[in-house]
Amino acid sequence: MRTRSDQLNRLIRVVLLAGGLCVGLVMAGQLCRAEENARRVEPFLGWGFRCEVPAGVLVSSESLMHDAELYYFADARSAKHPIIMKIWILVHHTFPQHRDQSPQIETESVGGAPARTIRWSDPTGRRCRETLIDWSGRRFSPRYVHIAYQGLSRESGLLADQIIASIRMAEVQDEKRTEN
């Protein structure tokens, strides 16, 4: 026969187990939502291009001259919002900018357009990349998309590569910047 103390101990264990299960389910739900948010992307339209920007990445831009724009992609998950990648939208280009690296240039396709890419690691083993997408066959500006990142962790490098892979040509909205 169970004593009152045994029954009380059993009841406490059941309550603790049920509470633990509830906490576990809540935490699992939060993890699923966090994972879902990390996979969520938002479309972004820039001057002559579009891409998909993952949640947690902020985009800002700067007009450099009549025929160039610079886009900064920053990691909003970090308190300091470090720049993870820069994209220059250009009529003319210099590639590669990081000539001291002398890596082998790969050819690839980004958004259906020909591209040249160099990849290397900095002295601390962090990821670096420079890519030039060639839209010179298009009738209007911009003609090139020049992308660069340096010193990224594996995670940030994969995030930047995800954005690069989503880049596509878009119609130019600003008539002042078009060429005939």
Foldseek 3Di string as FASTA:
>chain_A
DDDPVRVVVVVVVVVVVVVVVVVVVVVVVVVVVVVVQQPDWDWDDDFFKIWTAGPQWDKDKDDDDLFKIKIFIFGNVDPVRDTFKIKMFGQDDDPPPPVVVPADWDWDAAQNFIKIKDWDADPVRFIKMWMKTAQCVDQWDDGIMIMIGYRHHPVSVVSVVNRRNGMHGDDGPDPSNIDD
